[in-house]
C-alpha cells in the first residue's frame, strides 16, 4: 500500500488506476511509466529518488506507452541508444497525437 504523501505525489499521473491499491515495488513499471510520461518536477524527483536507475532504464527501453519525445529525453538523460528502446525499434504509424 502507498502512504498518503506518496499518493498525493503520483496520483495526478495515474488517473484511472486505483492508487490506494498500488504497491511501489509490485507496480513500479506502471508508476515509473506514467510519471515519466505525465509527471512534473515533483513526480520526476520522486521517481529518481525512490527507484533504481536500472528500473527506470528498463521502463524506457521496454515501454510501449511512452511517447518518442519522452523516450528520447530519457535516452539522453541516461546516455542510452534510442535504437535499444521498444519505441524506436518498431516503426508504426502514430495517428494521434499528430506530430
PDB file of N, CA and C in Angstrom:
ATOM      1  N   UNK A   1       0.827  -1.186   0.000  1.00  0.00           N
ATOM      2  CA  UNK A   1       0.000   0.000   0.000  1.00  0.00           C
ATOM      3  C   UNK A   1       0.876   1.256   0.000  1.00  0.00           C
ATOM      4  N   UNK A   2       0.354   2.297  -0.544  1.00  0.00           N
ATOM      5  CA  UNK A   2       1.077   3.561  -0.673  1.00  0.00           C
ATOM      6  C   UNK A   2       0.539   4.544   0.364  1.00  0.00           C
ATOM      7  N   UNK A   3       1.461   5.233   1.038  1.00  0.00           N
ATOM      8  CA  UNK A   3       1.005   6.210   2.039  1.00  0.00           C
ATOM      9  C   UNK A   3       0.431   7.449   1.361  1.00  0.00           C
ATOM     10  N   UNK A   4      -0.218   8.295   2.155  1.00  0.00           N
ATOM     11  CA  UNK A   4      -0.925   9.459   1.603  1.00  0.00           C
ATOM     12  C   UNK A   4      -0.010  10.455   0.909  1.00  0.00           C
ATOM     13  N   UNK A   5       1.199  10.648   1.444  1.00  0.00           N
ATOM     14  CA  UNK A   5       2.135  11.593   0.826  1.00  0.00           C
ATOM     15  C   UNK A   5       2.527  11.129  -0.571  1.00  0.00           C
ATOM     16  N   UNK A   6       2.870   9.860  -0.691  1.00  0.00           N
ATOM     17  CA  UNK A   6       3.244   9.292  -1.991  1.00  0.00           C
ATOM     18  C   UNK A   6       2.047   9.336  -2.930  1.00  0.00           C
ATOM     19  N   UNK A   7       0.892   9.005  -2.419  1.00  0.00           N
ATOM     20  CA  UNK A   7      -0.327   9.030  -3.235  1.00  0.00           C
ATOM     21  C   UNK A   7      -0.573  10.427  -3.807  1.00  0.00           C
ATOM     22  N   UNK A   8      -0.387  11.455  -2.984  1.00  0.00           N
ATOM     23  CA  UNK A   8      -0.583  12.826  -3.451  1.00  0.00           C
ATOM     24  C   UNK A   8       0.403  13.197  -4.554  1.00  0.00           C
ATOM     25  N   UNK A   9       1.600  12.642  -4.494  1.00  0.00           N
ATOM     26  CA  UNK A   9       2.619  12.945  -5.497  1.00  0.00           C
ATOM     27  C   UNK A   9       2.309  12.270  -6.825  1.00  0.00           C
ATOM     28  N   UNK A  10       1.977  10.968  -6.782  1.00  0.00           N
ATOM     29  CA  UNK A  10       1.854  10.216  -8.034  1.00  0.00           C
ATOM     30  C   UNK A  10       0.441  10.160  -8.609  1.00  0.00           C
ATOM     31  N   UNK A  11      -0.576  10.426  -7.804  1.00  0.00           N
ATOM     32  CA  UNK A  11      -1.964  10.301  -8.268  1.00  0.00           C
ATOM     33  C   UNK A  11      -2.277  11.115  -9.522  1.00  0.00           C
ATOM     34  N   UNK A  12      -1.737  12.342  -9.683  1.00  0.00           N
ATOM     35  CA  UNK A  12      -2.061  13.085 -10.904  1.00  0.00           C
ATOM     36  C   UNK A  12      -1.616  12.381 -12.194  1.00  0.00           C
ATOM     37  N   UNK A  13      -0.678  11.475 -12.102  1.00  0.00           N
ATOM     38  CA  UNK A  13      -0.175  10.765 -13.286  1.00  0.00           C
ATOM     39  C   UNK A  13      -0.879   9.431 -13.505  1.00  0.00           C
ATOM     40  N   UNK A  14      -1.664   9.007 -12.527  1.00  0.00           N
ATOM     41  CA  UNK A  14      -2.251   7.668 -12.573  1.00  0.00           C
ATOM     42  C   UNK A  14      -3.771   7.700 -12.559  1.00  0.00           C
ATOM     43  N   UNK A  15      -4.350   8.609 -13.342  1.00  0.00           N
ATOM     44  CA  UNK A  15      -5.799   8.637 -13.413  1.00  0.00           C
ATOM     45  C   UNK A  15      -6.268   7.307 -13.978  1.00  0.00           C
ATOM     46  N   UNK A  16      -7.397   6.848 -13.481  1.00  0.00           N
ATOM     47  CA  UNK A  16      -7.931   5.572 -13.944  1.00  0.00           C
ATOM     48  C   UNK A  16      -7.371   4.377 -13.204  1.00  0.00           C
ATOM     49  N   UNK A  17      -6.366   4.578 -12.382  1.00  0.00           N
ATOM     50  CA  UNK A  17      -5.788   3.485 -11.592  1.00  0.00           C
ATOM     51  C   UNK A  17      -6.254   3.628 -10.146  1.00  0.00           C
ATOM     52  N   UNK A  18      -6.403   2.502  -9.478  1.00  0.00           N
ATOM     53  CA  UNK A  18      -6.765   2.508  -8.059  1.00  0.00           C
ATOM     54  C   UNK A  18      -5.490   2.763  -7.258  1.00  0.00           C
ATOM     55  N   UNK A  19      -5.139   4.019  -7.095  1.00  0.00           N
ATOM     56  CA  UNK A  19      -3.877   4.412  -6.465  1.00  0.00           C
ATOM     57  C   UNK A  19      -3.756   3.836  -5.060  1.00  0.00           C
ATOM     58  N   UNK A  20      -4.874   3.734  -4.342  1.00  0.00           N
ATOM     59  CA  UNK A  20      -4.847   3.184  -2.981  1.00  0.00           C
ATOM     60  C   UNK A  20      -4.399   1.732  -2.951  1.00  0.00           C
ATOM     61  N   UNK A  21      -4.568   1.020  -4.043  1.00  0.00           N
ATOM     62  CA  UNK A  21      -4.236  -0.404  -4.091  1.00  0.00           C
ATOM     63  C   UNK A  21      -2.857  -0.683  -4.675  1.00  0.00           C
ATOM     64  N   UNK A  22      -2.179   0.340  -5.156  1.00  0.00           N
ATOM     65  CA  UNK A  22      -0.872   0.148  -5.773  1.00  0.00           C
ATOM     66  C   UNK A  22       0.197  -0.143  -4.728  1.00  0.00           C
ATOM     67  N   UNK A  23       1.180  -0.900  -5.149  1.00  0.00           N
ATOM     68  CA  UNK A  23       2.342  -1.207  -4.320  1.00  0.00           C
ATOM     69  C   UNK A  23       3.562  -0.671  -5.060  1.00  0.00           C
ATOM     70  N   UNK A  24       4.417   0.093  -4.368  1.00  0.00           N
ATOM     71  CA  UNK A  24       5.563   0.719  -5.036  1.00  0.00           C
ATOM     72  C   UNK A  24       6.466  -0.301  -5.712  1.00  0.00           C
ATOM     73  N   UNK A  25       6.658  -1.450  -5.109  1.00  0.00           N
ATOM     74  CA  UNK A  25       7.555  -2.450  -5.700  1.00  0.00           C
ATOM     75  C   UNK A  25       6.841  -3.259  -6.788  1.00  0.00           C
ATOM     76  N   UNK A  26       5.673  -3.766  -6.479  1.00  0.00           N
ATOM     77  CA  UNK A  26       4.963  -4.635  -7.427  1.00  0.00           C
ATOM     78  C   UNK A  26       4.493  -3.871  -8.670  1.00  0.00           C
ATOM     79  N   UNK A  27       4.160  -2.609  -8.509  1.00  0.00           N
ATOM     80  CA  UNK A  27       3.618  -1.812  -9.608  1.00  0.00           C
ATOM     81  C   UNK A  27       4.591  -0.750 -10.102  1.00  0.00           C
ATOM     82  N   UNK A  28       5.875  -0.979  -9.876  1.00  0.00           N
ATOM     83  CA  UNK A  28       6.873   0.050 -10.220  1.00  0.00           C
ATOM     84  C   UNK A  28       6.909   0.365 -11.710  1.00  0.00           C
ATOM     85  N   UNK A  29       6.715  -0.627 -12.580  1.00  0.00           N
ATOM     86  CA  UNK A  29       6.752  -0.365 -14.019  1.00  0.00           C
ATOM     87  C   UNK A  29       5.669   0.642 -14.393  1.00  0.00           C
ATOM     88  N   UNK A  30       4.445   0.403 -13.937  1.00  0.00           N
ATOM     89  CA  UNK A  30       3.328   1.309 -14.232  1.00  0.00           C
ATOM     90  C   UNK A  30       3.582   2.698 -13.661  1.00  0.00           C
ATOM     91  N   UNK A  31       4.017   2.760 -12.423  1.00  0.00           N
ATOM     92  CA  UNK A  31       4.245   4.051 -11.769  1.00  0.00           C
ATOM     93  C   UNK A  31       5.328   4.840 -12.499  1.00  0.00           C
ATOM     94  N   UNK A  32       6.447   4.199 -12.767  1.00  0.00           N
ATOM     95  CA  UNK A  32       7.549   4.879 -13.460  1.00  0.00           C
ATOM     96  C   UNK A  32       7.100   5.333 -14.844  1.00  0.00           C
ATOM     97  N   UNK A  33       6.442   4.445 -15.565  1.00  0.00           N
ATOM     98  CA  UNK A  33       5.997   4.736 -16.927  1.00  0.00           C
ATOM     99  C   UNK A  33       5.086   5.961 -16.971  1.00  0.00           C
ATOM    100  N   UNK A  34       4.096   5.996 -16.120  1.00  0.00           N
ATOM    101  CA  UNK A  34       3.146   7.114 -16.135  1.00  0.00           C
ATOM    102  C   UNK A  34       3.791   8.410 -15.675  1.00  0.00           C
ATOM    103  N   UNK A  35       4.677   8.333 -14.680  1.00  0.00           N
ATOM    104  CA  UNK A  35       5.338   9.540 -14.195  1.00  0.00           C
ATOM    105  C   UNK A  35       6.284  10.097 -15.253  1.00  0.00           C
ATOM    106  N   UNK A  36       7.030   9.230 -15.937  1.00  0.00           N
ATOM    107  CA  UNK A  36       7.928   9.722 -16.980  1.00  0.00           C
ATOM    108  C   UNK A  36       7.151  10.420 -18.085  1.00  0.00           C
ATOM    109  N   UNK A  37       5.981   9.898 -18.399  1.00  0.00           N
ATOM    110  CA  UNK A  37       5.193  10.463 -19.498  1.00  0.00           C
ATOM    111  C   UNK A  37       4.402  11.706 -19.082  1.00  0.00           C
ATOM    112  N   UNK A  38       3.860  11.711 -17.866  1.00  0.00           N
ATOM    113  CA  UNK A  38       2.925  12.771 -17.489  1.00  0.00           C
ATOM    114  C   UNK A  38       3.351  13.597 -16.281  1.00  0.00           C
ATOM    115  N   UNK A  39       4.448  13.237 -15.643  1.00  0.00           N
ATOM    116  CA  UNK A  39       4.831  13.896 -14.399  1.00  0.00           C
ATOM    117  C   UNK A  39       5.500  15.240 -14.578  1.00  0.00           C
ATOM    118  N   UNK A  40       5.404  16.024 -13.534  1.00  0.00           N
ATOM    119  CA  UNK A  40       6.114  17.290 -13.456  1.00  0.00           C
ATOM    120  C   UNK A  40       7.364  17.110 -12.613  1.00  0.00           C
ATOM    121  N   UNK A  41       7.963  18.215 -12.220  1.00  0.00           N
ATOM    122  CA  UNK A  41       9.209  18.165 -11.450  1.00  0.00           C
ATOM    123  C   UNK A  41       9.076  17.337 -10.178  1.00  0.00           C
ATOM    124  N   UNK A  42       7.992  17.553  -9.440  1.00  0.00           N
ATOM    125  CA  UNK A  42       7.804  16.845  -8.160  1.00  0.00           C
ATOM    126  C   UNK A  42       7.718  15.332  -8.373  1.00  0.00           C
ATOM    127  N   UNK A  43       6.997  14.899  -9.375  1.00  0.00           N
ATOM    128  CA  UNK A  43       6.846  13.472  -9.642  1.00  0.00           C
ATOM    129  C   UNK A  43       8.156  12.848 -10.145  1.00  0.00           C
ATOM    130  N   UNK A  44       8.858  13.573 -11.019  1.00  0.00           N
ATOM    131  CA  UNK A  44      10.129  13.071 -11.541  1.00  0.00           C
ATOM    132  C   UNK A  44      11.146  12.948 -10.413  1.00  0.00           C
ATOM    133  N   UNK A  45      11.211  13.943  -9.540  1.00  0.00           N
ATOM    134  CA  UNK A  45      12.118  13.867  -8.391  1.00  0.00           C
ATOM    135  C   UNK A  45      11.792  12.669  -7.519  1.00  0.00           C
ATOM    136  N   UNK A  46      10.511  12.385  -7.344  1.00  0.00           N
ATOM    137  CA  UNK A  46      10.095  11.226  -6.557  1.00  0.00           C
ATOM    138  C   UNK A  46      10.601   9.928  -7.190  1.00  0.00           C
ATOM    139  N   UNK A  47      10.397   9.787  -8.494  1.00  0.00           N
ATOM    140  CA  UNK A  47      10.828   8.563  -9.183  1.00  0.00           C
ATOM    141  C   UNK A  47      12.344   8.401  -9.107  1.00  0.00           C
ATOM    142  N   UNK A  48      13.074   9.464  -9.363  1.00  0.00           N
ATOM    143  CA  UNK A  48      14.537   9.376  -9.326  1.00  0.00           C
ATOM    144  C   UNK A  48      15.054   9.058  -7.918  1.00  0.00           C
ATOM    145  N   UNK A  49      14.349   9.505  -6.901  1.00  0.00           N
ATOM    146  CA  UNK A  49      14.782   9.271  -5.517  1.00  0.00           C
ATOM    147  C   UNK A  49      14.347   7.916  -4.976  1.00  0.00           C
ATOM    148  N   UNK A  50      13.278   7.330  -5.539  1.00  0.00           N
ATOM    149  CA  UNK A  50      12.703   6.133  -4.940  1.00  0.00           C
ATOM    150  C   UNK A  50      12.841   4.859  -5.764  1.00  0.00           C
ATOM    151  N   UNK A  51      13.323   4.974  -6.983  1.00  0.00           N
ATOM    152  CA  UNK A  51      13.506   3.789  -7.821  1.00  0.00           C
ATOM    153  C   UNK A  51      14.935   3.742  -8.327  1.00  0.00           C
ATOM    154  N   UNK A  52      15.440   2.532  -8.502  1.00  0.00           N
ATOM    155  CA  UNK A  52      16.795   2.357  -9.027  1.00  0.00           C
ATOM    156  C   UNK A  52      16.832   2.835 -10.475  1.00  0.00           C
ATOM    157  N   UNK A  53      17.973   3.380 -10.865  1.00  0.00           N
ATOM    158  CA  UNK A  53      18.131   3.816 -12.252  1.00  0.00           C
ATOM    159  C   UNK A  53      17.931   2.644 -13.204  1.00  0.00           C
ATOM    160  N   UNK A  54      18.320   1.449 -12.807  1.00  0.00           N
ATOM    161  CA  UNK A  54      18.139   0.265 -13.658  1.00  0.00           C
ATOM    162  C   UNK A  54      16.656   0.023 -13.940  1.00  0.00           C
ATOM    163  N   UNK A  55      15.799   0.254 -12.938  1.00  0.00           N
ATOM    164  CA  UNK A  55      14.360   0.070 -13.133  1.00  0.00           C
ATOM    165  C   UNK A  55      13.800   1.122 -14.090  1.00  0.00           C
ATOM    166  N   UNK A  56      14.258   2.350 -13.957  1.00  0.00           N
ATOM    167  CA  UNK A  56      13.800   3.429 -14.839  1.00  0.00           C
ATOM    168  C   UNK A  56      14.266   3.157 -16.267  1.00  0.00           C
ATOM    169  N   UNK A  57      15.505   2.741 -16.423  1.00  0.00           N
ATOM    170  CA  UNK A  57      16.044   2.415 -17.747  1.00  0.00           C
ATOM    171  C   UNK A  57      15.256   1.274 -18.376  1.00  0.00           C
ATOM    172  N   UNK A  58      14.907   0.273 -17.590  1.00  0.00           N
ATOM    173  CA  UNK A  58      14.103  -0.849 -18.092  1.00  0.00           C
ATOM    174  C   UNK A  58      12.777  -0.346 -18.661  1.00  0.00           C
ATOM    175  N   UNK A  59      12.135   0.569 -17.959  1.00  0.00           N
ATOM    176  CA  UNK A  59      10.867   1.126 -18.437  1.00  0.00           C
ATOM    177  C   UNK A  59      11.084   1.893 -19.733  1.00  0.00           C
ATOM    178  N   UNK A  60      12.110   2.713 -19.785  1.00  0.00           N
ATOM    179  CA  UNK A  60      12.403   3.489 -21.002  1.00  0.00           C
ATOM    180  C   UNK A  60      12.635   2.548 -22.183  1.00  0.00           C
ATOM    181  N   UNK A  61      13.324   1.459 -21.957  1.00  0.00           N
ATOM    182  CA  UNK A  61      13.649   0.541 -23.044  1.00  0.00           C
ATOM    183  C   UNK A  61      12.485  -0.365 -23.436  1.00  0.00           C
ATOM    184  N   UNK A  62      11.608  -0.739 -22.482  1.00  0.00           N
ATOM    185  CA  UNK A  62      10.585  -1.742 -22.754  1.00  0.00           C
ATOM    186  C   UNK A  62       9.171  -1.207 -22.947  1.00  0.00           C
ATOM    187  N   UNK A  63       8.895   0.015 -22.543  1.00  0.00           N
ATOM    188  CA  UNK A  63       7.530   0.528 -22.580  1.00  0.00           C
ATOM    189  C   UNK A  63       7.017   0.742 -24.000  1.00  0.00           C
ATOM    190  N   UNK A  64       5.773   0.356 -24.196  1.00  0.00           N
ATOM    191  CA  UNK A  64       5.101   0.675 -25.456  1.00  0.00           C
ATOM    192  C   UNK A  64       4.158   1.868 -25.259  1.00  0.00           C
ATOM    193  N   UNK A  65       4.094   2.387 -24.038  1.00  0.00           N
ATOM    194  CA  UNK A  65       3.212   3.504 -23.700  1.00  0.00           C
ATOM    195  C   UNK A  65       3.896   4.856 -23.890  1.00  0.00           C
ATOM    196  N   UNK A  66       5.190   4.915 -23.650  1.00  0.00           N
ATOM    197  CA  UNK A  66       5.907   6.185 -23.681  1.00  0.00           C
ATOM    198  C   UNK A  66       5.990   6.748 -25.097  1.00  0.00           C
ATOM    199  N   UNK A  67       5.873   8.056 -25.190  1.00  0.00           N
ATOM    200  CA  UNK A  67       5.959   8.730 -26.488  1.00  0.00           C
ATOM    201  C   UNK A  67       7.418   8.788 -26.941  1.00  0.00           C
ATOM    202  N   UNK A  68       7.643   8.923 -28.243  1.00  0.00           N
ATOM    203  CA  UNK A  68       9.021   9.066 -28.740  1.00  0.00           C
ATOM    204  C   UNK A  68       9.754  10.246 -28.095  1.00  0.00           C
ATOM    205  N   UNK A  69       9.065  11.332 -27.854  1.00  0.00           N
ATOM    206  CA  UNK A  69       9.687  12.503 -27.235  1.00  0.00           C
ATOM    207  C   UNK A  69      10.174  12.175 -25.817  1.00  0.00           C
ATOM    208  N   UNK A  70       9.352  11.477 -25.055  1.00  0.00           N
ATOM    209  CA  UNK A  70       9.729  11.093 -23.689  1.00  0.00           C
ATOM    210  C   UNK A  70      10.891  10.117 -23.713  1.00  0.00           C
ATOM    211  N   UNK A  71      10.820   9.117 -24.575  1.00  0.00           N
ATOM    212  CA  UNK A  71      11.903   8.132 -24.680  1.00  0.00           C
ATOM    213  C   UNK A  71      13.204   8.820 -25.079  1.00  0.00           C
ATOM    214  N   UNK A  72      13.128   9.715 -26.033  1.00  0.00           N
ATOM    215  CA  UNK A  72      14.325  10.423 -26.472  1.00  0.00           C
ATOM    216  C   UNK A  72      14.957  11.209 -25.320  1.00  0.00           C
ATOM    217  N   UNK A  73      14.143  11.910 -24.547  1.00  0.00           N
ATOM    218  CA  UNK A  73      14.661  12.680 -23.410  1.00  0.00           C
ATOM    219  C   UNK A  73      15.390  11.770 -22.425  1.00  0.00           C
ATOM    220  N   UNK A  74      14.763  10.658 -22.054  1.00  0.00           N
ATOM    221  CA  UNK A  74      15.375   9.776 -21.053  1.00  0.00           C
ATOM    222  C   UNK A  74      16.574   9.020 -21.614  1.00  0.00           C
ATOM    223  N   UNK A  75      16.601   8.796 -22.914  1.00  0.00           N
ATOM    224  CA  UNK A  75      17.802   8.222 -23.535  1.00  0.00           C
ATOM    225  C   UNK A  75      18.969   9.194 -23.401  1.00  0.00           C
ATOM    226  N   UNK A  76      18.701  10.473 -23.613  1.00  0.00           N
ATOM    227  CA  UNK A  76      19.747  11.474 -23.432  1.00  0.00           C
ATOM    228  C   UNK A  76      20.161  11.570 -21.962  1.00  0.00           C
ATOM    229  N   UNK A  77      19.207  11.533 -21.071  1.00  0.00           N
ATOM    230  CA  UNK A  77      19.465  11.634 -19.633  1.00  0.00           C
ATOM    231  C   UNK A  77      20.357  10.494 -19.146  1.00  0.00           C
ATOM    232  N   UNK A  78      20.044   9.257 -19.588  1.00  0.00           N
ATOM    233  CA  UNK A  78      20.788   8.076 -19.141  1.00  0.00           C
ATOM    234  C   UNK A  78      21.864   7.622 -20.122  1.00  0.00           C
ATOM    235  N   UNK A  79      22.068   8.392 -21.200  1.00  0.00           N
ATOM    236  CA  UNK A  79      23.063   8.053 -22.212  1.00  0.00           C
ATOM    237  C   UNK A  79      22.793   6.669 -22.826  1.00  0.00           C
ATOM    238  N   UNK A  80      21.547   6.468 -23.259  1.00  0.00           N
ATOM    239  CA  UNK A  80      21.128   5.208 -23.878  1.00  0.00           C
ATOM    240  C   UNK A  80      20.999   5.406 -25.385  1.00  0.00           C
ATOM    241  N   UNK A  81      21.096   4.326 -26.119  1.00  0.00           N
ATOM    242  CA  UNK A  81      20.858   4.381 -27.560  1.00  0.00           C
ATOM    243  C   UNK A  81      19.363   4.258 -27.814  1.00  0.00           C
ATOM    244  N   UNK A  82      18.828   5.172 -28.604  1.00  0.00           N
ATOM    245  CA  UNK A  82      17.400   5.110 -28.926  1.00  0.00           C
ATOM    246  C   UNK A  82      17.030   3.793 -29.606  1.00  0.00           C
ATOM    247  N   UNK A  83      17.950   3.265 -30.394  1.00  0.00           N
ATOM    248  CA  UNK A  83      17.677   2.026 -31.125  1.00  0.00           C
ATOM    249  C   UNK A  83      17.458   0.844 -30.179  1.00  0.00           C
ATOM    250  N   UNK A  84      17.886   0.977 -28.935  1.00  0.00           N
ATOM    251  CA  UNK A  84      17.714  -0.100 -27.959  1.00  0.00           C
ATOM    252  C   UNK A  84      16.384  -0.005 -27.220  1.00  0.00           C
ATOM    253  N   UNK A  85      15.526   0.909 -27.638  1.00  0.00           N
ATOM    254  CA  UNK A  85      14.231   1.061 -26.991  1.00  0.00           C
ATOM    255  C   UNK A  85      13.135   0.482 -27.864  1.00  0.00           C
ATOM    256  N   UNK A  86      12.102   0.016 -27.228  1.00  0.00           N
ATOM    257  CA  UNK A  86      10.960  -0.535 -27.956  1.00  0.00           C
ATOM    258  C   UNK A  86      10.322   0.529 -28.853  1.00  0.00           C
ATOM    259  N   UNK A  87      10.291   1.721 -28.363  1.00  0.00           N
ATOM    260  CA  UNK A  87       9.671   2.836 -29.091  1.00  0.00           C
ATOM    261  C   UNK A  87      10.315   3.051 -30.450  1.00  0.00           C
ATOM    262  N   UNK A  88      11.627   2.932 -30.520  1.00  0.00           N
ATOM    263  CA  UNK A  88      12.338   3.216 -31.759  1.00  0.00           C
ATOM    264  C   UNK A  88      12.734   1.962 -32.533  1.00  0.00           C
ATOM    265  N   UNK A  89      12.390   0.777 -32.031  1.00  0.00           N
ATOM    266  CA  UNK A  89      12.673  -0.445 -32.770  1.00  0.00           C
ATOM    267  C   UNK A  89      11.623  -0.718 -33.824  1.00  0.00           C
ATOM    268  N   UNK A  90      10.379  -0.531 -33.448  1.00  0.00           N
ATOM    269  CA  UNK A  90       9.284  -0.786 -34.376  1.00  0.00           C
ATOM    270  C   UNK A  90       8.852   0.525 -35.007  1.00  0.00           C
ATOM    271  N   UNK A  91       8.706   0.498 -36.278  1.00  0.00           N
ATOM    272  CA  UNK A  91       8.187   1.667 -36.977  1.00  0.00           C
ATOM    273  C   UNK A  91       6.695   1.450 -37.169  1.00  0.00           C
ATOM    274  N   UNK A  92       5.912   2.202 -36.432  1.00  0.00           N
ATOM    275  CA  UNK A  92       4.472   2.127 -36.604  1.00  0.00           C
ATOM    276  C   UNK A  92       3.927   3.540 -36.663  1.00  0.00           C
ATOM    277  N   UNK A  93       2.796   3.648 -37.294  1.00  0.00           N
ATOM    278  CA  UNK A  93       2.238   4.973 -37.539  1.00  0.00           C
ATOM    279  C   UNK A  93       1.500   5.459 -36.291  1.00  0.00           C
ATOM    280  N   UNK A  94       1.869   6.630 -35.830  1.00  0.00           N
ATOM    281  CA  UNK A  94       1.166   7.276 -34.727  1.00  0.00           C
ATOM    282  C   UNK A  94       0.076   8.144 -35.334  1.00  0.00           C
ATOM    283  N   UNK A  95      -1.166   7.722 -35.157  1.00  0.00           N
ATOM    284  CA  UNK A  95      -2.261   8.506 -35.718  1.00  0.00           C
ATOM    285  C   UNK A  95      -2.618   9.678 -34.813  1.00  0.00           C
ATOM    286  N   UNK A  96      -2.377   9.526 -33.525  1.00  0.00           N
ATOM    287  CA  UNK A  96      -2.691  10.581 -32.569  1.00  0.00           C
ATOM    288  C   UNK A  96      -1.713  10.515 -31.435  1.00  0.00           C
ATOM    289  N   UNK A  97      -1.185  11.543 -30.933  1.00  0.00           N
ATOM    290  CA  UNK A  97      -1.386  12.910 -31.375  1.00  0.00           C
ATOM    291  C   UNK A  97      -0.534  13.202 -32.605  1.00  0.00           C
ATOM    292  N   UNK A  98      -0.987  14.122 -33.422  1.00  0.00           N
ATOM    293  CA  UNK A  98      -0.172  14.469 -34.590  1.00  0.00           C
ATOM    294  C   UNK A  98       1.124  15.159 -34.172  1.00  0.00           C
ATOM    295  N   UNK A  99       2.157  14.900 -34.892  1.00  0.00           N
ATOM    296  CA  UNK A  99       3.465  15.479 -34.566  1.00  0.00           C
ATOM    297  C   UNK A  99       3.568  16.909 -35.026  1.00  0.00           C
TER     298      UNK A  99
END
